[in-house]
PDB file of N, CA and C in Angstrom:
ATOM      1  N   UNK A   1       0.832  -1.195   0.000  1.00  0.00           N
ATOM      2  CA  UNK A   1       0.000   0.000   0.000  1.00  0.00           C
ATOM      3  C   UNK A   1       0.874   1.254   0.000  1.00  0.00           C
ATOM      4  N   UNK A   2       1.887   1.268   0.853  1.00  0.00           N
ATOM      5  CA  UNK A   2       2.771   2.425   0.948  1.00  0.00           C
ATOM      6  C   UNK A   2       3.532   2.637  -0.357  1.00  0.00           C
ATOM      7  N   UNK A   3       3.932   1.551  -1.008  1.00  0.00           N
ATOM      8  CA  UNK A   3       4.659   1.639  -2.278  1.00  0.00           C
ATOM      9  C   UNK A   3       3.789   2.259  -3.368  1.00  0.00           C
ATOM     10  N   UNK A   4       2.501   1.895  -3.383  1.00  0.00           N
ATOM     11  CA  UNK A   4       1.585   2.461  -4.374  1.00  0.00           C
ATOM     12  C   UNK A   4       1.410   3.960  -4.159  1.00  0.00           C
ATOM     13  N   UNK A   5       1.305   4.359  -2.908  1.00  0.00           N
ATOM     14  CA  UNK A   5       1.142   5.774  -2.591  1.00  0.00           C
ATOM     15  C   UNK A   5       2.399   6.564  -2.985  1.00  0.00           C
ATOM     16  N   UNK A   6       3.548   6.027  -2.663  1.00  0.00           N
ATOM     17  CA  UNK A   6       4.809   6.681  -3.021  1.00  0.00           C
ATOM     18  C   UNK A   6       4.951   6.799  -4.533  1.00  0.00           C
ATOM     19  N   UNK A   7       4.608   5.739  -5.230  1.00  0.00           N
ATOM     20  CA  UNK A   7       4.678   5.753  -6.686  1.00  0.00           C
ATOM     21  C   UNK A   7       3.718   6.787  -7.269  1.00  0.00           C
ATOM     22  N   UNK A   8       2.538   6.862  -6.714  1.00  0.00           N
ATOM     23  CA  UNK A   8       1.543   7.831  -7.184  1.00  0.00           C
ATOM     24  C   UNK A   8       2.049   9.260  -7.007  1.00  0.00           C
ATOM     25  N   UNK A   9       2.604   9.553  -5.839  1.00  0.00           N
ATOM     26  CA  UNK A   9       3.107  10.904  -5.568  1.00  0.00           C
ATOM     27  C   UNK A   9       4.247  11.249  -6.518  1.00  0.00           C
ATOM     28  N   UNK A  10       5.124  10.316  -6.800  1.00  0.00           N
ATOM     29  CA  UNK A  10       6.222  10.558  -7.738  1.00  0.00           C
ATOM     30  C   UNK A  10       5.691  10.840  -9.144  1.00  0.00           C
ATOM     31  N   UNK A  11       4.692  10.080  -9.555  1.00  0.00           N
ATOM     32  CA  UNK A  11       4.100  10.285 -10.879  1.00  0.00           C
ATOM     33  C   UNK A  11       3.401  11.641 -10.971  1.00  0.00           C
ATOM     34  N   UNK A  12       2.743  12.032  -9.908  1.00  0.00           N
ATOM     35  CA  UNK A  12       2.072  13.338  -9.884  1.00  0.00           C
ATOM     36  C   UNK A  12       3.099  14.454 -10.001  1.00  0.00           C
ATOM     37  N   UNK A  13       4.210  14.347  -9.282  1.00  0.00           N
ATOM     38  CA  UNK A  13       5.267  15.357  -9.365  1.00  0.00           C
ATOM     39  C   UNK A  13       5.829  15.438 -10.777  1.00  0.00           C
ATOM     40  N   UNK A  14       6.008  14.295 -11.410  1.00  0.00           N
ATOM     41  CA  UNK A  14       6.518  14.262 -12.778  1.00  0.00           C
ATOM     42  C   UNK A  14       5.546  14.956 -13.729  1.00  0.00           C
ATOM     43  N   UNK A  15       4.259  14.692 -13.567  1.00  0.00           N
ATOM     44  CA  UNK A  15       3.259  15.311 -14.434  1.00  0.00           C
ATOM     45  C   UNK A  15       3.184  16.816 -14.205  1.00  0.00           C
ATOM     46  N   UNK A  16       3.346  17.255 -12.962  1.00  0.00           N
ATOM     47  CA  UNK A  16       3.307  18.683 -12.671  1.00  0.00           C
ATOM     48  C   UNK A  16       4.443  19.437 -13.347  1.00  0.00           C
ATOM     49  N   UNK A  17       5.571  18.784 -13.569  1.00  0.00           N
ATOM     50  CA  UNK A  17       6.669  19.458 -14.266  1.00  0.00           C
ATOM     51  C   UNK A  17       6.342  19.650 -15.743  1.00  0.00           C
ATOM     52  N   UNK A  18       5.409  18.867 -16.273  1.00  0.00           N
ATOM     53  CA  UNK A  18       5.019  18.969 -17.682  1.00  0.00           C
ATOM     54  C   UNK A  18       3.943  20.032 -17.927  1.00  0.00           C
ATOM     55  N   UNK A  19       3.346  20.532 -16.853  1.00  0.00           N
ATOM     56  CA  UNK A  19       2.251  21.487 -16.979  1.00  0.00           C
ATOM     57  C   UNK A  19       2.791  22.835 -17.444  1.00  0.00           C
ATOM     58  N   UNK A  20       2.074  23.442 -18.374  1.00  0.00           N
ATOM     59  CA  UNK A  20       2.424  24.785 -18.833  1.00  0.00           C
ATOM     60  C   UNK A  20       1.611  25.780 -17.997  1.00  0.00           C
ATOM     61  N   UNK A  21       2.242  26.338 -16.974  1.00  0.00           N
ATOM     62  CA  UNK A  21       1.548  27.231 -16.066  1.00  0.00           C
ATOM     63  C   UNK A  21       1.394  28.610 -16.703  1.00  0.00           C
ATOM     64  N   UNK A  22       0.244  29.276 -16.517  1.00  0.00           N
ATOM     65  CA  UNK A  22       0.052  30.602 -17.109  1.00  0.00           C
ATOM     66  C   UNK A  22       0.896  31.652 -16.388  1.00  0.00           C
ATOM     67  N   UNK A  23       1.227  32.695 -17.127  1.00  0.00           N
ATOM     68  CA  UNK A  23       1.939  33.804 -16.501  1.00  0.00           C
ATOM     69  C   UNK A  23       0.947  34.608 -15.665  1.00  0.00           C
ATOM     70  N   UNK A  24       1.483  35.480 -14.833  1.00  0.00           N
ATOM     71  CA  UNK A  24       0.617  36.316 -13.992  1.00  0.00           C
ATOM     72  C   UNK A  24      -0.296  37.182 -14.859  1.00  0.00           C
ATOM     73  N   UNK A  25       0.246  37.721 -15.945  1.00  0.00           N
ATOM     74  CA  UNK A  25      -0.545  38.576 -16.833  1.00  0.00           C
ATOM     75  C   UNK A  25      -1.670  37.785 -17.500  1.00  0.00           C
ATOM     76  N   UNK A  26      -1.369  36.558 -17.930  1.00  0.00           N
ATOM     77  CA  UNK A  26      -2.404  35.709 -18.536  1.00  0.00           C
ATOM     78  C   UNK A  26      -3.509  35.395 -17.529  1.00  0.00           C
ATOM     79  N   UNK A  27      -3.111  35.114 -16.312  1.00  0.00           N
ATOM     80  CA  UNK A  27      -4.076  34.776 -15.267  1.00  0.00           C
ATOM     81  C   UNK A  27      -4.979  35.965 -14.950  1.00  0.00           C
ATOM     82  N   UNK A  28      -4.387  37.154 -14.849  1.00  0.00           N
ATOM     83  CA  UNK A  28      -5.173  38.358 -14.569  1.00  0.00           C
ATOM     84  C   UNK A  28      -6.118  38.654 -15.731  1.00  0.00           C
ATOM     85  N   UNK A  29      -5.630  38.498 -16.947  1.00  0.00           N
ATOM     86  CA  UNK A  29      -6.458  38.741 -18.122  1.00  0.00           C
ATOM     87  C   UNK A  29      -7.643  37.774 -18.172  1.00  0.00           C
ATOM     88  N   UNK A  30      -7.375  36.508 -17.961  1.00  0.00           N
ATOM     89  CA  UNK A  30      -8.440  35.498 -17.991  1.00  0.00           C
ATOM     90  C   UNK A  30      -9.459  35.735 -16.879  1.00  0.00           C
ATOM     91  N   UNK A  31      -8.972  36.083 -15.713  1.00  0.00           N
ATOM     92  CA  UNK A  31      -9.868  36.344 -14.584  1.00  0.00           C
ATOM     93  C   UNK A  31     -10.747  37.551 -14.874  1.00  0.00           C
ATOM     94  N   UNK A  32     -10.178  38.576 -15.488  1.00  0.00           N
ATOM     95  CA  UNK A  32     -10.949  39.776 -15.837  1.00  0.00           C
ATOM     96  C   UNK A  32     -12.061  39.444 -16.822  1.00  0.00           C
ATOM     97  N   UNK A  33     -11.747  38.621 -17.806  1.00  0.00           N
ATOM     98  CA  UNK A  33     -12.753  38.225 -18.795  1.00  0.00           C
ATOM     99  C   UNK A  33     -13.880  37.456 -18.116  1.00  0.00           C
ATOM    100  N   UNK A  34     -13.546  36.538 -17.235  1.00  0.00           N
ATOM    101  CA  UNK A  34     -14.565  35.746 -16.536  1.00  0.00           C
ATOM    102  C   UNK A  34     -15.438  36.642 -15.661  1.00  0.00           C
ATOM    103  N   UNK A  35     -14.835  37.571 -14.934  1.00  0.00           N
ATOM    104  CA  UNK A  35     -15.614  38.465 -14.073  1.00  0.00           C
ATOM    105  C   UNK A  35     -16.531  39.375 -14.892  1.00  0.00           C
ATOM    106  N   UNK A  36     -16.017  39.898 -15.994  1.00  0.00           N
ATOM    107  CA  UNK A  36     -16.842  40.767 -16.844  1.00  0.00           C
ATOM    108  C   UNK A  36     -18.005  39.985 -17.440  1.00  0.00           C
ATOM    109  N   UNK A  37     -17.731  38.796 -17.963  1.00  0.00           N
ATOM    110  CA  UNK A  37     -18.800  37.977 -18.534  1.00  0.00           C
ATOM    111  C   UNK A  37     -19.831  37.620 -17.477  1.00  0.00           C
ATOM    112  N   UNK A  38     -19.381  37.291 -16.276  1.00  0.00           N
ATOM    113  CA  UNK A  38     -20.308  36.941 -15.193  1.00  0.00           C
ATOM    114  C   UNK A  38     -21.200  38.119 -14.835  1.00  0.00           C
ATOM    115  N   UNK A  39     -20.626  39.332 -14.800  1.00  0.00           N
ATOM    116  CA  UNK A  39     -21.413  40.519 -14.472  1.00  0.00           C
ATOM    117  C   UNK A  39     -22.456  40.790 -15.553  1.00  0.00           C
ATOM    118  N   UNK A  40     -22.053  40.707 -16.808  1.00  0.00           N
ATOM    119  CA  UNK A  40     -22.992  40.936 -17.918  1.00  0.00           C
ATOM    120  C   UNK A  40     -24.098  39.888 -17.896  1.00  0.00           C
ATOM    121  N   UNK A  41     -23.731  38.640 -17.676  1.00  0.00           N
ATOM    122  CA  UNK A  41     -24.717  37.565 -17.639  1.00  0.00           C
ATOM    123  C   UNK A  41     -25.679  37.745 -16.467  1.00  0.00           C
ATOM    124  N   UNK A  42     -25.169  38.200 -15.308  1.00  0.00           N
ATOM    125  CA  UNK A  42     -26.022  38.437 -14.139  1.00  0.00           C
ATOM    126  C   UNK A  42     -27.038  39.543 -14.436  1.00  0.00           C
ATOM    127  N   UNK A  43     -26.599  40.599 -15.104  1.00  0.00           N
ATOM    128  CA  UNK A  43     -27.515  41.687 -15.467  1.00  0.00           C
ATOM    129  C   UNK A  43     -28.570  41.174 -16.449  1.00  0.00           C
ATOM    130  N   UNK A  44     -28.150  40.382 -17.433  1.00  0.00           N
ATOM    131  CA  UNK A  44     -29.082  39.817 -18.403  1.00  0.00           C
ATOM    132  C   UNK A  44     -30.134  38.948 -17.707  1.00  0.00           C
ATOM    133  N   UNK A  45     -29.697  38.083 -16.827  1.00  0.00           N
ATOM    134  CA  UNK A  45     -30.643  37.208 -16.103  1.00  0.00           C
ATOM    135  C   UNK A  45     -31.562  38.042 -15.216  1.00  0.00           C
ATOM    136  N   UNK A  46     -31.024  39.068 -14.570  1.00  0.00           N
ATOM    137  CA  UNK A  46     -31.851  39.942 -13.723  1.00  0.00           C
ATOM    138  C   UNK A  46     -32.920  40.664 -14.516  1.00  0.00           C
ATOM    139  N   UNK A  47     -32.534  41.190 -15.680  1.00  0.00           N
ATOM    140  CA  UNK A  47     -33.510  41.877 -16.530  1.00  0.00           C
ATOM    141  C   UNK A  47     -34.573  40.905 -17.040  1.00  0.00           C
ATOM    142  N   UNK A  48     -34.150  39.736 -17.448  1.00  0.00           N
ATOM    143  CA  UNK A  48     -35.086  38.718 -17.918  1.00  0.00           C
ATOM    144  C   UNK A  48     -36.074  38.356 -16.800  1.00  0.00           C
ATOM    145  N   UNK A  49     -35.575  38.231 -15.588  1.00  0.00           N
ATOM    146  CA  UNK A  49     -36.429  37.900 -14.448  1.00  0.00           C
ATOM    147  C   UNK A  49     -37.439  39.014 -14.190  1.00  0.00           C
ATOM    148  N   UNK A  50     -36.995  40.255 -14.277  1.00  0.00           N
ATOM    149  CA  UNK A  50     -37.916  41.381 -14.073  1.00  0.00           C
ATOM    150  C   UNK A  50     -39.007  41.403 -15.134  1.00  0.00           C
ATOM    151  N   UNK A  51     -38.636  41.182 -16.372  1.00  0.00           N
ATOM    152  CA  UNK A  51     -39.614  41.183 -17.468  1.00  0.00           C
ATOM    153  C   UNK A  51     -40.634  40.057 -17.282  1.00  0.00           C
ATOM    154  N   UNK A  52     -40.137  38.855 -16.988  1.00  0.00           N
ATOM    155  CA  UNK A  52     -41.045  37.719 -16.780  1.00  0.00           C
ATOM    156  C   UNK A  52     -41.945  37.965 -15.579  1.00  0.00           C
ATOM    157  N   UNK A  53     -41.406  38.533 -14.491  1.00  0.00           N
ATOM    158  CA  UNK A  53     -42.222  38.835 -13.311  1.00  0.00           C
ATOM    159  C   UNK A  53     -43.296  39.861 -13.638  1.00  0.00           C
ATOM    160  N   UNK A  54     -42.942  40.864 -14.437  1.00  0.00           N
ATOM    161  CA  UNK A  54     -43.905  41.887 -14.833  1.00  0.00           C
ATOM    162  C   UNK A  54     -45.032  41.275 -15.658  1.00  0.00           C
ATOM    163  N   UNK A  55     -44.661  40.465 -16.642  1.00  0.00           N
ATOM    164  CA  UNK A  55     -45.664  39.813 -17.495  1.00  0.00           C
ATOM    165  C   UNK A  55     -46.540  38.873 -16.669  1.00  0.00           C
ATOM    166  N   UNK A  56     -45.931  38.116 -15.780  1.00  0.00           N
ATOM    167  CA  UNK A  56     -46.678  37.191 -14.927  1.00  0.00           C
ATOM    168  C   UNK A  56     -47.654  37.962 -14.037  1.00  0.00           C
ATOM    169  N   UNK A  57     -47.232  39.111 -13.523  1.00  0.00           N
ATOM    170  CA  UNK A  57     -48.118  39.940 -12.695  1.00  0.00           C
ATOM    171  C   UNK A  57     -49.306  40.462 -13.494  1.00  0.00           C
ATOM    172  N   UNK A  58     -49.077  40.850 -14.743  1.00  0.00           N
ATOM    173  CA  UNK A  58     -50.178  41.325 -15.597  1.00  0.00           C
ATOM    174  C   UNK A  58     -51.156  40.176 -15.873  1.00  0.00           C
ATOM    175  N   UNK A  59     -50.626  39.006 -16.182  1.00  0.00           N
ATOM    176  CA  UNK A  59     -51.493  37.859 -16.489  1.00  0.00           C
ATOM    177  C   UNK A  59     -52.332  37.433 -15.288  1.00  0.00           C
ATOM    178  N   UNK A  60     -51.773  37.544 -14.109  1.00  0.00           N
ATOM    179  CA  UNK A  60     -52.514  37.157 -12.910  1.00  0.00           C
ATOM    180  C   UNK A  60     -53.338  38.303 -12.325  1.00  0.00           C
ATOM    181  N   UNK A  61     -53.182  39.498 -12.888  1.00  0.00           N
ATOM    182  CA  UNK A  61     -53.974  40.634 -12.460  1.00  0.00           C
ATOM    183  C   UNK A  61     -53.540  41.197 -11.126  1.00  0.00           C
ATOM    184  N   UNK A  62     -52.271  41.141 -10.848  1.00  0.00           N
ATOM    185  CA  UNK A  62     -51.788  41.670  -9.546  1.00  0.00           C
ATOM    186  C   UNK A  62     -51.198  43.030  -9.714  1.00  0.00           C
TER     187      UNK A  62
END
């Protein structure tokens, strides 16, 4: 059991050396894109919810 665990950890370390890690600038850029898209999508969903709520209120006569 211990040998399997040791072997696994060694293999994981070897694979981590093969990973192409992003630069700080790439990471900041990608994070900015995700945050901007999330904000735009949240506004879109909020507006859609308001419109549907308004229409639903008219249909139910409230």
